C-alpha atoms as a PDB file:
ATOM      1  CA  ARG A   1     -14.781  -0.984   1.710  1.00  0.00           C
ATOM      2  CA  THR A   2     -12.652  -1.828  -1.326  1.00  0.00           C
ATOM      3  CA  LEU A   3     -10.867   0.512  -3.700  1.00  0.00           C
ATOM      4  CA  HIS A   4      -9.644  -1.266  -6.810  1.00  0.00           C
ATOM      5  CA  LEU A   5      -7.274   0.884  -8.869  1.00  0.00           C
ATOM      6  CA  ALA A   6      -5.281  -1.975 -10.368  1.00  0.00           C
ATOM      7  CA  LYS A   7      -3.816  -1.378 -13.826  1.00  0.00           C
ATOM      8  CA  CYS A   8      -4.174   2.413 -13.627  1.00  0.00           C
ATOM      9  CA  ARG A   9      -0.858   2.566 -15.406  1.00  0.00           C
ATOM     10  CA  LEU A  10      -0.656   6.373 -15.536  1.00  0.00           C
ATOM     11  CA  LEU A  11      -1.436   6.881 -11.839  1.00  0.00           C
ATOM     12  CA  ASP A  12       1.750   8.379 -10.417  1.00  0.00           C
ATOM     13  CA  ALA A  13       0.445   9.473  -7.001  1.00  0.00           C
ATOM     14  CA  LEU A  14      -2.542   9.187  -4.717  1.00  0.00           C
ATOM     15  CA  PRO A  15      -4.097  12.319  -3.256  1.00  0.00           C
ATOM     16  CA  GLU A  16      -3.481  13.112   0.416  1.00  0.00           C
ATOM     17  CA  THR A  17      -7.254  12.983   0.839  1.00  0.00           C
ATOM     18  CA  ILE A  18      -7.154   9.193   0.536  1.00  0.00           C
ATOM     19  CA  GLY A  19      -6.630   9.147   4.282  1.00  0.00           C
ATOM     20  CA  GLY A  20     -10.215  10.332   4.653  1.00  0.00           C
ATOM     21  CA  LEU A  21     -11.630   7.028   3.389  1.00  0.00           C
ATOM     22  CA  GLU A  22     -12.295   5.823   6.924  1.00  0.00           C
ATOM     23  CA  ALA A  23     -14.176   2.644   5.982  1.00  0.00           C
ATOM     24  CA  LEU A  24     -11.576   1.428   3.469  1.00  0.00           C
ATOM     25  CA  GLU A  25     -10.469  -2.146   4.193  1.00  0.00           C
ATOM     26  CA  THR A  26      -8.795  -3.231   0.946  1.00  0.00           C
ATOM     27  CA  LEU A  27      -6.695  -1.118  -1.394  1.00  0.00           C
ATOM     28  CA  ASN A  28      -5.520  -2.676  -4.640  1.00  0.00           C
ATOM     29  CA  LEU A  29      -2.906  -0.631  -6.507  1.00  0.00           C
ATOM     30  CA  SER A  30      -1.303  -3.533  -8.348  1.00  0.00           C
ATOM     31  CA  HIS A  31       0.141  -2.820 -11.794  1.00  0.00           C
ATOM     32  CA  CYS A  32       0.151   0.958 -11.223  1.00  0.00           C
ATOM     33  CA  ASP A  33       3.423   1.232 -13.099  1.00  0.00           C
ATOM     34  CA  ALA A  34       3.886   4.999 -12.690  1.00  0.00           C
ATOM     35  CA  LEU A  35       3.244   5.064  -8.934  1.00  0.00           C
ATOM     36  CA  THR A  36       6.405   6.292  -7.213  1.00  0.00           C
ATOM     37  CA  VAL A  37       5.250   7.186  -3.716  1.00  0.00           C
ATOM     38  CA  LEU A  38       2.348   6.744  -1.311  1.00  0.00           C
ATOM     39  CA  PRO A  39       1.045   9.713   0.664  1.00  0.00           C
ATOM     40  CA  GLU A  40       1.680   9.956   4.404  1.00  0.00           C
ATOM     41  CA  SER A  41      -2.088  10.113   4.903  1.00  0.00           C
ATOM     42  CA  ILE A  42      -2.267   6.405   4.091  1.00  0.00           C
ATOM     43  CA  GLY A  43      -1.530   5.919   7.776  1.00  0.00           C
ATOM     44  CA  ASP A  44      -4.981   7.328   8.560  1.00  0.00           C
ATOM     45  CA  LEU A  45      -6.703   4.272   7.035  1.00  0.00           C
ATOM     46  CA  GLN A  46      -7.219   2.568  10.375  1.00  0.00           C
ATOM     47  CA  ARG A  47      -9.506  -0.158   8.977  1.00  0.00           C
ATOM     48  CA  LEU A  48      -7.197  -1.126   6.116  1.00  0.00           C
ATOM     49  CA  THR A  49      -6.445  -4.840   6.336  1.00  0.00           C
ATOM     50  CA  ALA A  50      -4.982  -5.538   2.880  1.00  0.00           C
ATOM     51  CA  LEU A  51      -2.738  -3.490   0.610  1.00  0.00           C
ATOM     52  CA  ASN A  52      -1.722  -4.796  -2.793  1.00  0.00           C
ATOM     53  CA  LEU A  53       1.218  -2.978  -4.359  1.00  0.00           C
ATOM     54  CA  SER A  54       2.436  -5.828  -6.541  1.00  0.00           C
ATOM     55  CA  ASP A  55       3.942  -4.821  -9.874  1.00  0.00           C
ATOM     56  CA  CYS A  56       4.291  -1.162  -8.846  1.00  0.00           C
ATOM     57  CA  TRP A  57       7.675  -1.141 -10.533  1.00  0.00           C
ATOM     58  CA  ASN A  58       8.519   2.498  -9.833  1.00  0.00           C
ATOM     59  CA  LEU A  59       7.549   2.578  -6.170  1.00  0.00           C
ATOM     60  CA  ALA A  60      10.760   3.616  -4.408  1.00  0.00           C
ATOM     61  CA  ALA A  61       9.768   3.827  -0.737  1.00  0.00           C
ATOM     62  CA  LEU A  62       6.931   3.227   1.690  1.00  0.00           C
ATOM     63  CA  PRO A  63       5.890   6.028   4.037  1.00  0.00           C
ATOM     64  CA  ASP A  64       6.593   5.663   7.740  1.00  0.00           C
ATOM     65  CA  SER A  65       2.900   6.237   8.414  1.00  0.00           C
ATOM     66  CA  LEU A  66       2.242   2.778   6.959  1.00  0.00           C
ATOM     67  CA  CYS A  67       3.321   1.476  10.348  1.00  0.00           C
ATOM     68  CA  ASP A  68       0.336   3.225  11.958  1.00  0.00           C
ATOM     69  CA  LEU A  69      -2.033   0.774  10.252  1.00  0.00           C
ATOM     70  CA  GLY A  70      -2.873  -1.447  13.198  1.00  0.00           C
ATOM     71  CA  ALA A  71      -5.464  -3.458  11.245  1.00  0.00           C
ATOM     72  CA  LEU A  72      -3.118  -4.205   8.313  1.00  0.00           C
ATOM     73  CA  ARG A  73      -2.650  -7.948   7.958  1.00  0.00           C
ATOM     74  CA  ALA A  74      -1.452  -8.419   4.389  1.00  0.00           C
ATOM     75  CA  ILE A  75       0.745  -6.468   2.048  1.00  0.00           C
ATOM     76  CA  SER A  76       1.888  -7.561  -1.386  1.00  0.00           C
ATOM     77  CA  LEU A  77       5.126  -6.068  -2.697  1.00  0.00           C
ATOM     78  CA  HIS A  78       5.689  -8.662  -5.389  1.00  0.00           C
ATOM     79  CA  ARG A  79       7.841  -7.310  -8.239  1.00  0.00           C
ATOM     80  CA  CYS A  80       8.306  -3.840  -6.720  1.00  0.00           C
ATOM     81  CA  TRP A  81      11.741  -3.757  -8.325  1.00  0.00           C
ATOM     82  CA  ASN A  82      12.658  -0.200  -7.315  1.00  0.00           C
ATOM     83  CA  LEU A  83      11.538  -0.418  -3.700  1.00  0.00           C
ATOM     84  CA  ARG A  84      14.650   0.514  -1.753  1.00  0.00           C
ATOM     85  CA  LEU A  85      13.353   1.784   1.557  1.00  0.00           C
ATOM     86  CA  LEU A  86      11.038   0.241   4.113  1.00  0.00           C
ATOM     87  CA  PRO A  87       9.864   2.166   7.156  1.00  0.00           C
ATOM     88  CA  GLU A  88      12.018   1.623  10.226  1.00  0.00           C
ATOM     89  CA  ARG A  89       8.949   0.768  12.300  1.00  0.00           C
ATOM     90  CA  ILE A  90       7.710  -1.937   9.901  1.00  0.00           C
ATOM     91  CA  ARG A  91       8.340  -4.561  12.571  1.00  0.00           C
ATOM     92  CA  SER A  92       5.832  -2.846  14.847  1.00  0.00           C
ATOM     93  CA  LEU A  93       3.005  -4.228  12.725  1.00  0.00           C
ATOM     94  CA  ARG A  94       1.749  -7.162  14.734  1.00  0.00           C
ATOM     95  CA  VAL A  95       0.484  -9.803  12.327  1.00  0.00           C
ATOM     96  CA  LEU A  96       1.651  -8.993   8.865  1.00  0.00           C
ATOM     97  CA  THR A  97       2.087 -11.379   5.960  1.00  0.00           C
ATOM     98  CA  SER A  98       3.965 -10.183   2.950  1.00  0.00           C
ATOM     99  CA  ASP A  99       3.436 -13.153   0.699  1.00  0.00           C
ATOM    100  CA  TYR A 100       2.237 -12.705  -2.840  1.00  0.00           C
ATOM    101  CA  VAL A 101      -1.517 -13.064  -2.691  1.00  0.00           C
ATOM    102  CA  GLU A 102      -2.692 -14.614  -5.941  1.00  0.00           C
ATOM    103  CA  SER A 103      -6.390 -14.192  -5.204  1.00  0.00           C
ATOM    104  CA  TRP A 104      -6.297 -10.403  -5.687  1.00  0.00           C
END
């Protein structure tokens, strides 16, 4: 249910196959300094409720498919300095908090 890849500082991309992790509820990618993009298949994670991207300094954009995550309730983008583009449909996510979650 949880995939904890925090501090994988050389991780620059996730495989498209990540969308096949159907039971995944929490994805922690915090401090993945080299991460620049998330795959479109992330939108296939229909049970994902929490996504931690804090301190992903090189992340430049979020895929539009992120807005397909109906179960997503929390996203942390704390210190994503290079994030310049949010999906246009981000407001379609019903109950989303974007506060920094210190308990991760």
